[in-house]
Amino acid sequence: MVEQLIPIGFIVVLIGIILIIIGGIVSATKKDKVGFAFGGFIGPIPFGFATRKELLYLIIAISIILAIVFLILARRGY
């Protein structure tokens, strides 16, 4: 199982970089207001920062979902 995590992690990082590049290109061609959000964990508590309220709700929801996934995986022994 551990051997499979390295290629999966590489693919996820690569997809993230591609999405950042596409987002930069799209936002450079439009005059829309660009926002950002950042989230993470301090211990078991999810937190987030954002420039808009909708993005904050989204990043907190994603953090809570990831916390639940991590708890399920930890109980299964992964």
PDB file of N, CA and C in Angstrom:
ATOM      1  N   MET A   1       0.821  -1.200   0.000  1.00  0.00           N
ATOM      2  CA  MET A   1       0.000   0.000   0.000  1.00  0.00           C
ATOM      3  C   MET A   1       0.864   1.262   0.000  1.00  0.00           C
ATOM      4  N   VAL A   2       1.953   1.261   0.770  1.00  0.00           N
ATOM      5  CA  VAL A   2       2.798   2.446   0.874  1.00  0.00           C
ATOM      6  C   VAL A   2       3.459   2.761  -0.464  1.00  0.00           C
ATOM      7  N   GLU A   3       3.796   1.724  -1.222  1.00  0.00           N
ATOM      8  CA  GLU A   3       4.424   1.934  -2.519  1.00  0.00           C
ATOM      9  C   GLU A   3       3.492   2.650  -3.483  1.00  0.00           C
ATOM     10  N   GLN A   4       2.193   2.500  -3.309  1.00  0.00           N
ATOM     11  CA  GLN A   4       1.210   3.145  -4.182  1.00  0.00           C
ATOM     12  C   GLN A   4       1.007   4.612  -3.821  1.00  0.00           C
ATOM     13  N   LEU A   5       1.362   5.014  -2.631  1.00  0.00           N
ATOM     14  CA  LEU A   5       1.123   6.389  -2.197  1.00  0.00           C
ATOM     15  C   LEU A   5       2.047   7.388  -2.885  1.00  0.00           C
ATOM     16  N   ILE A   6       3.247   6.978  -3.224  1.00  0.00           N
ATOM     17  CA  ILE A   6       4.188   7.899  -3.874  1.00  0.00           C
ATOM     18  C   ILE A   6       3.683   8.338  -5.249  1.00  0.00           C
ATOM     19  N   PRO A   7       3.286   7.424  -6.137  1.00  0.00           N
ATOM     20  CA  PRO A   7       2.749   7.899  -7.421  1.00  0.00           C
ATOM     21  C   PRO A   7       1.440   8.681  -7.268  1.00  0.00           C
ATOM     22  N   ILE A   8       0.599   8.277  -6.326  1.00  0.00           N
ATOM     23  CA  ILE A   8      -0.648   8.999  -6.097  1.00  0.00           C
ATOM     24  C   ILE A   8      -0.352  10.420  -5.630  1.00  0.00           C
ATOM     25  N   GLY A   9       0.577  10.580  -4.714  1.00  0.00           N
ATOM     26  CA  GLY A   9       0.959  11.908  -4.237  1.00  0.00           C
ATOM     27  C   GLY A   9       1.544  12.762  -5.341  1.00  0.00           C
ATOM     28  N   PHE A  10       2.369  12.166  -6.172  1.00  0.00           N
ATOM     29  CA  PHE A  10       2.952  12.897  -7.298  1.00  0.00           C
ATOM     30  C   PHE A  10       1.874  13.379  -8.256  1.00  0.00           C
ATOM     31  N   ILE A  11       0.916  12.516  -8.555  1.00  0.00           N
ATOM     32  CA  ILE A  11      -0.173  12.888  -9.461  1.00  0.00           C
ATOM     33  C   ILE A  11      -1.023  14.003  -8.866  1.00  0.00           C
ATOM     34  N   VAL A  12      -1.312  13.930  -7.577  1.00  0.00           N
ATOM     35  CA  VAL A  12      -2.119  14.972  -6.925  1.00  0.00           C
ATOM     36  C   VAL A  12      -1.389  16.317  -6.968  1.00  0.00           C
ATOM     37  N   VAL A  13      -0.096  16.321  -6.697  1.00  0.00           N
ATOM     38  CA  VAL A  13       0.681  17.562  -6.753  1.00  0.00           C
ATOM     39  C   VAL A  13       0.718  18.107  -8.172  1.00  0.00           C
ATOM     40  N   LEU A  14       0.906  17.235  -9.150  1.00  0.00           N
ATOM     41  CA  LEU A  14       0.934  17.651 -10.547  1.00  0.00           C
ATOM     42  C   LEU A  14      -0.407  18.255 -10.975  1.00  0.00           C
ATOM     43  N   ILE A  15      -1.506  17.640 -10.577  1.00  0.00           N
ATOM     44  CA  ILE A  15      -2.830  18.188 -10.891  1.00  0.00           C
ATOM     45  C   ILE A  15      -3.009  19.548 -10.230  1.00  0.00           C
ATOM     46  N   GLY A  16      -2.541  19.702  -9.002  1.00  0.00           N
ATOM     47  CA  GLY A  16      -2.630  20.987  -8.321  1.00  0.00           C
ATOM     48  C   GLY A  16      -1.859  22.078  -9.035  1.00  0.00           C
ATOM     49  N   ILE A  17      -0.662  21.762  -9.494  1.00  0.00           N
ATOM     50  CA  ILE A  17       0.147  22.746 -10.219  1.00  0.00           C
ATOM     51  C   ILE A  17      -0.541  23.141 -11.522  1.00  0.00           C
ATOM     52  N   ILE A  18      -1.092  22.157 -12.222  1.00  0.00           N
ATOM     53  CA  ILE A  18      -1.802  22.445 -13.472  1.00  0.00           C
ATOM     54  C   ILE A  18      -3.016  23.331 -13.214  1.00  0.00           C
ATOM     55  N   LEU A  19      -3.764  23.063 -12.151  1.00  0.00           N
ATOM     56  CA  LEU A  19      -4.924  23.895 -11.819  1.00  0.00           C
ATOM     57  C   LEU A  19      -4.516  25.322 -11.468  1.00  0.00           C
ATOM     58  N   ILE A  20      -3.402  25.494 -10.786  1.00  0.00           N
ATOM     59  CA  ILE A  20      -2.913  26.836 -10.455  1.00  0.00           C
ATOM     60  C   ILE A  20      -2.544  27.587 -11.727  1.00  0.00           C
ATOM     61  N   ILE A  21      -1.871  26.921 -12.645  1.00  0.00           N
ATOM     62  CA  ILE A  21      -1.496  27.567 -13.907  1.00  0.00           C
ATOM     63  C   ILE A  21      -2.736  27.947 -14.703  1.00  0.00           C
ATOM     64  N   ILE A  22      -3.697  27.037 -14.817  1.00  0.00           N
ATOM     65  CA  ILE A  22      -4.934  27.337 -15.544  1.00  0.00           C
ATOM     66  C   ILE A  22      -5.688  28.482 -14.879  1.00  0.00           C
ATOM     67  N   GLY A  23      -5.756  28.487 -13.560  1.00  0.00           N
ATOM     68  CA  GLY A  23      -6.421  29.572 -12.847  1.00  0.00           C
ATOM     69  C   GLY A  23      -5.749  30.912 -13.069  1.00  0.00           C
ATOM     70  N   GLY A  24      -4.432  30.917 -13.102  1.00  0.00           N
ATOM     71  CA  GLY A  24      -3.710  32.159 -13.364  1.00  0.00           C
ATOM     72  C   GLY A  24      -3.954  32.685 -14.761  1.00  0.00           C
ATOM     73  N   ILE A  25      -3.979  31.781 -15.725  1.00  0.00           N
ATOM     74  CA  ILE A  25      -4.236  32.195 -17.109  1.00  0.00           C
ATOM     75  C   ILE A  25      -5.657  32.726 -17.265  1.00  0.00           C
ATOM     76  N   VAL A  26      -6.619  32.027 -16.688  1.00  0.00           N
ATOM     77  CA  VAL A  26      -8.015  32.451 -16.800  1.00  0.00           C
ATOM     78  C   VAL A  26      -8.243  33.782 -16.096  1.00  0.00           C
ATOM     79  N   SER A  27      -7.672  33.954 -14.916  1.00  0.00           N
ATOM     80  CA  SER A  27      -7.882  35.207 -14.186  1.00  0.00           C
ATOM     81  C   SER A  27      -7.155  36.377 -14.841  1.00  0.00           C
ATOM     82  N   ALA A  28      -6.091  36.107 -15.596  1.00  0.00           N
ATOM     83  CA  ALA A  28      -5.377  37.184 -16.279  1.00  0.00           C
ATOM     84  C   ALA A  28      -6.161  37.697 -17.480  1.00  0.00           C
ATOM     85  N   THR A  29      -6.992  36.836 -18.049  1.00  0.00           N
ATOM     86  CA  THR A  29      -7.771  37.252 -19.213  1.00  0.00           C
ATOM     87  C   THR A  29      -9.099  37.895 -18.837  1.00  0.00           C
ATOM     88  N   LYS A  30      -9.535  37.743 -17.593  1.00  0.00           N
ATOM     89  CA  LYS A  30     -10.804  38.317 -17.150  1.00  0.00           C
ATOM     90  C   LYS A  30     -10.541  39.437 -16.149  1.00  0.00           C
ATOM     91  N   LYS A  31     -11.523  40.263 -15.958  1.00  0.00           N
ATOM     92  CA  LYS A  31     -11.418  41.347 -14.978  1.00  0.00           C
ATOM     93  C   LYS A  31     -12.231  41.041 -13.725  1.00  0.00           C
ATOM     94  N   ASP A  32     -12.392  39.764 -13.420  1.00  0.00           N
ATOM     95  CA  ASP A  32     -13.139  39.366 -12.236  1.00  0.00           C
ATOM     96  C   ASP A  32     -12.322  39.586 -10.972  1.00  0.00           C
ATOM     97  N   LYS A  33     -13.035  39.680  -9.872  1.00  0.00           N
ATOM     98  CA  LYS A  33     -12.377  39.788  -8.577  1.00  0.00           C
ATOM     99  C   LYS A  33     -11.884  38.392  -8.161  1.00  0.00           C
ATOM    100  N   VAL A  34     -10.623  38.304  -7.849  1.00  0.00           N
ATOM    101  CA  VAL A  34     -10.018  37.031  -7.490  1.00  0.00           C
ATOM    102  C   VAL A  34      -9.947  36.927  -5.978  1.00  0.00           C
ATOM    103  N   GLY A  35     -10.330  35.770  -5.456  1.00  0.00           N
ATOM    104  CA  GLY A  35     -10.260  35.534  -4.023  1.00  0.00           C
ATOM    105  C   GLY A  35      -9.374  34.332  -3.746  1.00  0.00           C
ATOM    106  N   PHE A  36      -9.006  34.160  -2.490  1.00  0.00           N
ATOM    107  CA  PHE A  36      -8.211  32.998  -2.129  1.00  0.00           C
ATOM    108  C   PHE A  36      -8.687  32.478  -0.789  1.00  0.00           C
ATOM    109  N   ALA A  37      -8.356  31.221  -0.531  1.00  0.00           N
ATOM    110  CA  ALA A  37      -8.694  30.584   0.736  1.00  0.00           C
ATOM    111  C   ALA A  37      -7.572  29.626   1.100  1.00  0.00           C
ATOM    112  N   PHE A  38      -7.345  29.497   2.401  1.00  0.00           N
ATOM    113  CA  PHE A  38      -6.319  28.598   2.911  1.00  0.00           C
ATOM    114  C   PHE A  38      -6.895  27.908   4.127  1.00  0.00           C
ATOM    115  N   GLY A  39      -6.686  26.609   4.226  1.00  0.00           N
ATOM    116  CA  GLY A  39      -7.184  25.869   5.379  1.00  0.00           C
ATOM    117  C   GLY A  39      -6.187  24.823   5.808  1.00  0.00           C
ATOM    118  N   GLY A  40      -6.380  24.344   7.003  1.00  0.00           N
ATOM    119  CA  GLY A  40      -5.499  23.307   7.524  1.00  0.00           C
ATOM    120  C   GLY A  40      -5.973  22.830   8.871  1.00  0.00           C
ATOM    121  N   PHE A  41      -5.076  22.186   9.588  1.00  0.00           N
ATOM    122  CA  PHE A  41      -5.404  21.649  10.901  1.00  0.00           C
ATOM    123  C   PHE A  41      -4.383  22.117  11.920  1.00  0.00           C
ATOM    124  N   ILE A  42      -4.867  22.459  13.098  1.00  0.00           N
ATOM    125  CA  ILE A  42      -4.009  22.629  14.266  1.00  0.00           C
ATOM    126  C   ILE A  42      -4.449  21.539  15.223  1.00  0.00           C
ATOM    127  N   GLY A  43      -3.664  20.472  15.240  1.00  0.00           N
ATOM    128  CA  GLY A  43      -4.089  19.284  15.963  1.00  0.00           C
ATOM    129  C   GLY A  43      -5.311  18.718  15.262  1.00  0.00           C
ATOM    130  N   PRO A  44      -6.382  18.449  15.998  1.00  0.00           N
ATOM    131  CA  PRO A  44      -7.590  17.914  15.356  1.00  0.00           C
ATOM    132  C   PRO A  44      -8.582  18.996  14.924  1.00  0.00           C
ATOM    133  N   ILE A  45      -8.234  20.266  15.092  1.00  0.00           N
ATOM    134  CA  ILE A  45      -9.175  21.353  14.841  1.00  0.00           C
ATOM    135  C   ILE A  45      -8.917  21.965  13.466  1.00  0.00           C
ATOM    136  N   PRO A  46      -9.927  21.922  12.583  1.00  0.00           N
ATOM    137  CA  PRO A  46      -9.745  22.554  11.273  1.00  0.00           C
ATOM    138  C   PRO A  46      -9.870  24.074  11.370  1.00  0.00           C
ATOM    139  N   PHE A  47      -9.112  24.793  10.543  1.00  0.00           N
ATOM    140  CA  PHE A  47      -9.206  26.245  10.515  1.00  0.00           C
ATOM    141  C   PHE A  47      -9.098  26.708   9.077  1.00  0.00           C
ATOM    142  N   GLY A  48      -9.416  27.966   8.838  1.00  0.00           N
ATOM    143  CA  GLY A  48      -9.309  28.489   7.493  1.00  0.00           C
ATOM    144  C   GLY A  48      -9.263  29.999   7.469  1.00  0.00           C
ATOM    145  N   PHE A  49      -8.656  30.531   6.418  1.00  0.00           N
ATOM    146  CA  PHE A  49      -8.615  31.965   6.149  1.00  0.00           C
ATOM    147  C   PHE A  49      -9.079  32.159   4.713  1.00  0.00           C
ATOM    148  N   ALA A  50      -9.824  33.214   4.445  1.00  0.00           N
ATOM    149  CA  ALA A  50     -10.294  33.450   3.091  1.00  0.00           C
ATOM    150  C   ALA A  50     -10.608  34.929   2.914  1.00  0.00           C
ATOM    151  N   THR A  51     -10.686  35.347   1.633  1.00  0.00           N
ATOM    152  CA  THR A  51     -11.013  36.727   1.332  1.00  0.00           C
ATOM    153  C   THR A  51     -12.521  36.932   1.189  1.00  0.00           C
ATOM    154  N   ARG A  52     -13.267  35.836   0.987  1.00  0.00           N
ATOM    155  CA  ARG A  52     -14.721  35.925   0.883  1.00  0.00           C
ATOM    156  C   ARG A  52     -15.354  34.892   1.790  1.00  0.00           C
ATOM    157  N   LYS A  53     -16.550  35.200   2.267  1.00  0.00           N
ATOM    158  CA  LYS A  53     -17.231  34.324   3.210  1.00  0.00           C
ATOM    159  C   LYS A  53     -17.554  32.959   2.585  1.00  0.00           C
ATOM    160  N   GLU A  54     -17.935  32.933   1.293  1.00  0.00           N
ATOM    161  CA  GLU A  54     -18.267  31.665   0.639  1.00  0.00           C
ATOM    162  C   GLU A  54     -17.046  30.750   0.563  1.00  0.00           C
ATOM    163  N   LEU A  55     -15.895  31.336   0.292  1.00  0.00           N
ATOM    164  CA  LEU A  55     -14.670  30.537   0.224  1.00  0.00           C
ATOM    165  C   LEU A  55     -14.294  29.988   1.598  1.00  0.00           C
ATOM    166  N   LEU A  56     -14.533  30.762   2.629  1.00  0.00           N
ATOM    167  CA  LEU A  56     -14.245  30.297   3.987  1.00  0.00           C
ATOM    168  C   LEU A  56     -15.109  29.098   4.336  1.00  0.00           C
ATOM    169  N   TYR A  57     -16.405  29.176   4.018  1.00  0.00           N
ATOM    170  CA  TYR A  57     -17.290  28.047   4.285  1.00  0.00           C
ATOM    171  C   TYR A  57     -16.849  26.807   3.503  1.00  0.00           C
ATOM    172  N   LEU A  58     -16.437  27.015   2.271  1.00  0.00           N
ATOM    173  CA  LEU A  58     -15.984  25.898   1.447  1.00  0.00           C
ATOM    174  C   LEU A  58     -14.730  25.257   2.015  1.00  0.00           C
ATOM    175  N   ILE A  59     -13.759  26.051   2.406  1.00  0.00           N
ATOM    176  CA  ILE A  59     -12.504  25.490   2.901  1.00  0.00           C
ATOM    177  C   ILE A  59     -12.691  24.798   4.256  1.00  0.00           C
ATOM    178  N   ILE A  60     -13.570  25.315   5.100  1.00  0.00           N
ATOM    179  CA  ILE A  60     -13.860  24.652   6.372  1.00  0.00           C
ATOM    180  C   ILE A  60     -14.577  23.328   6.124  1.00  0.00           C
ATOM    181  N   ALA A  61     -15.519  23.303   5.178  1.00  0.00           N
ATOM    182  CA  ALA A  61     -16.212  22.054   4.856  1.00  0.00           C
ATOM    183  C   ALA A  61     -15.228  21.010   4.324  1.00  0.00           C
ATOM    184  N   ILE A  62     -14.330  21.423   3.451  1.00  0.00           N
ATOM    185  CA  ILE A  62     -13.326  20.488   2.925  1.00  0.00           C
ATOM    186  C   ILE A  62     -12.423  19.989   4.049  1.00  0.00           C
ATOM    187  N   SER A  63     -12.044  20.864   4.966  1.00  0.00           N
ATOM    188  CA  SER A  63     -11.183  20.459   6.089  1.00  0.00           C
ATOM    189  C   SER A  63     -11.890  19.458   6.992  1.00  0.00           C
ATOM    190  N   ILE A  64     -13.165  19.667   7.249  1.00  0.00           N
ATOM    191  CA  ILE A  64     -13.916  18.736   8.098  1.00  0.00           C
ATOM    192  C   ILE A  64     -14.056  17.378   7.408  1.00  0.00           C
ATOM    193  N   ILE A  65     -14.329  17.383   6.102  1.00  0.00           N
ATOM    194  CA  ILE A  65     -14.432  16.131   5.356  1.00  0.00           C
ATOM    195  C   ILE A  65     -13.097  15.380   5.391  1.00  0.00           C
ATOM    196  N   LEU A  66     -11.993  16.103   5.196  1.00  0.00           N
ATOM    197  CA  LEU A  66     -10.682  15.455   5.259  1.00  0.00           C
ATOM    198  C   LEU A  66     -10.390  14.906   6.651  1.00  0.00           C
ATOM    199  N   ALA A  67     -10.808  15.611   7.696  1.00  0.00           N
ATOM    200  CA  ALA A  67     -10.605  15.119   9.057  1.00  0.00           C
ATOM    201  C   ALA A  67     -11.358  13.809   9.265  1.00  0.00           C
ATOM    202  N   ILE A  68     -12.573  13.722   8.744  1.00  0.00           N
ATOM    203  CA  ILE A  68     -13.354  12.491   8.871  1.00  0.00           C
ATOM    204  C   ILE A  68     -12.680  11.354   8.100  1.00  0.00           C
ATOM    205  N   VAL A  69     -12.194  11.650   6.896  1.00  0.00           N
ATOM    206  CA  VAL A  69     -11.498  10.632   6.100  1.00  0.00           C
ATOM    207  C   VAL A  69     -10.246  10.156   6.835  1.00  0.00           C
ATOM    208  N   PHE A  70      -9.486  11.078   7.412  1.00  0.00           N
ATOM    209  CA  PHE A  70      -8.276  10.694   8.152  1.00  0.00           C
ATOM    210  C   PHE A  70      -8.623   9.819   9.358  1.00  0.00           C
ATOM    211  N   LEU A  71      -9.700  10.139  10.051  1.00  0.00           N
ATOM    212  CA  LEU A  71     -10.109   9.325  11.199  1.00  0.00           C
ATOM    213  C   LEU A  71     -10.522   7.922  10.775  1.00  0.00           C
ATOM    214  N   ILE A  72     -11.253   7.822   9.664  1.00  0.00           N
ATOM    215  CA  ILE A  72     -11.658   6.507   9.168  1.00  0.00           C
ATOM    216  C   ILE A  72     -10.430   5.693   8.767  1.00  0.00           C
ATOM    217  N   LEU A  73      -9.492   6.318   8.069  1.00  0.00           N
ATOM    218  CA  LEU A  73      -8.282   5.610   7.656  1.00  0.00           C
ATOM    219  C   LEU A  73      -7.427   5.196   8.868  1.00  0.00           C
ATOM    220  N   ALA A  74      -7.373   6.044   9.889  1.00  0.00           N
ATOM    221  CA  ALA A  74      -6.590   5.721  11.083  1.00  0.00           C
ATOM    222  C   ALA A  74      -7.187   4.525  11.813  1.00  0.00           C
ATOM    223  N   ARG A  75      -8.504   4.430  11.857  1.00  0.00           N
ATOM    224  CA  ARG A  75      -9.135   3.297  12.529  1.00  0.00           C
ATOM    225  C   ARG A  75      -8.930   1.999  11.764  1.00  0.00           C
ATOM    226  N   ARG A  76      -8.779   2.082  10.451  1.00  0.00           N
ATOM    227  CA  ARG A  76      -8.546   0.886   9.648  1.00  0.00           C
ATOM    228  C   ARG A  76      -7.081   0.462   9.655  1.00  0.00           C
ATOM    229  N   GLY A  77      -6.198   1.317  10.175  1.00  0.00           N
ATOM    230  CA  GLY A  77      -4.793   0.956  10.285  1.00  0.00           C
ATOM    231  C   GLY A  77      -3.930   1.392   9.124  1.00  0.00           C
ATOM    232  N   TYR A  78      -4.394   2.324   8.313  1.00  0.00           N
ATOM    233  CA  TYR A  78      -3.592   2.804   7.176  1.00  0.00           C
ATOM    234  C   TYR A  78      -2.677   3.904   7.605  1.00  0.00           C
TER     235      TYR A  78
END
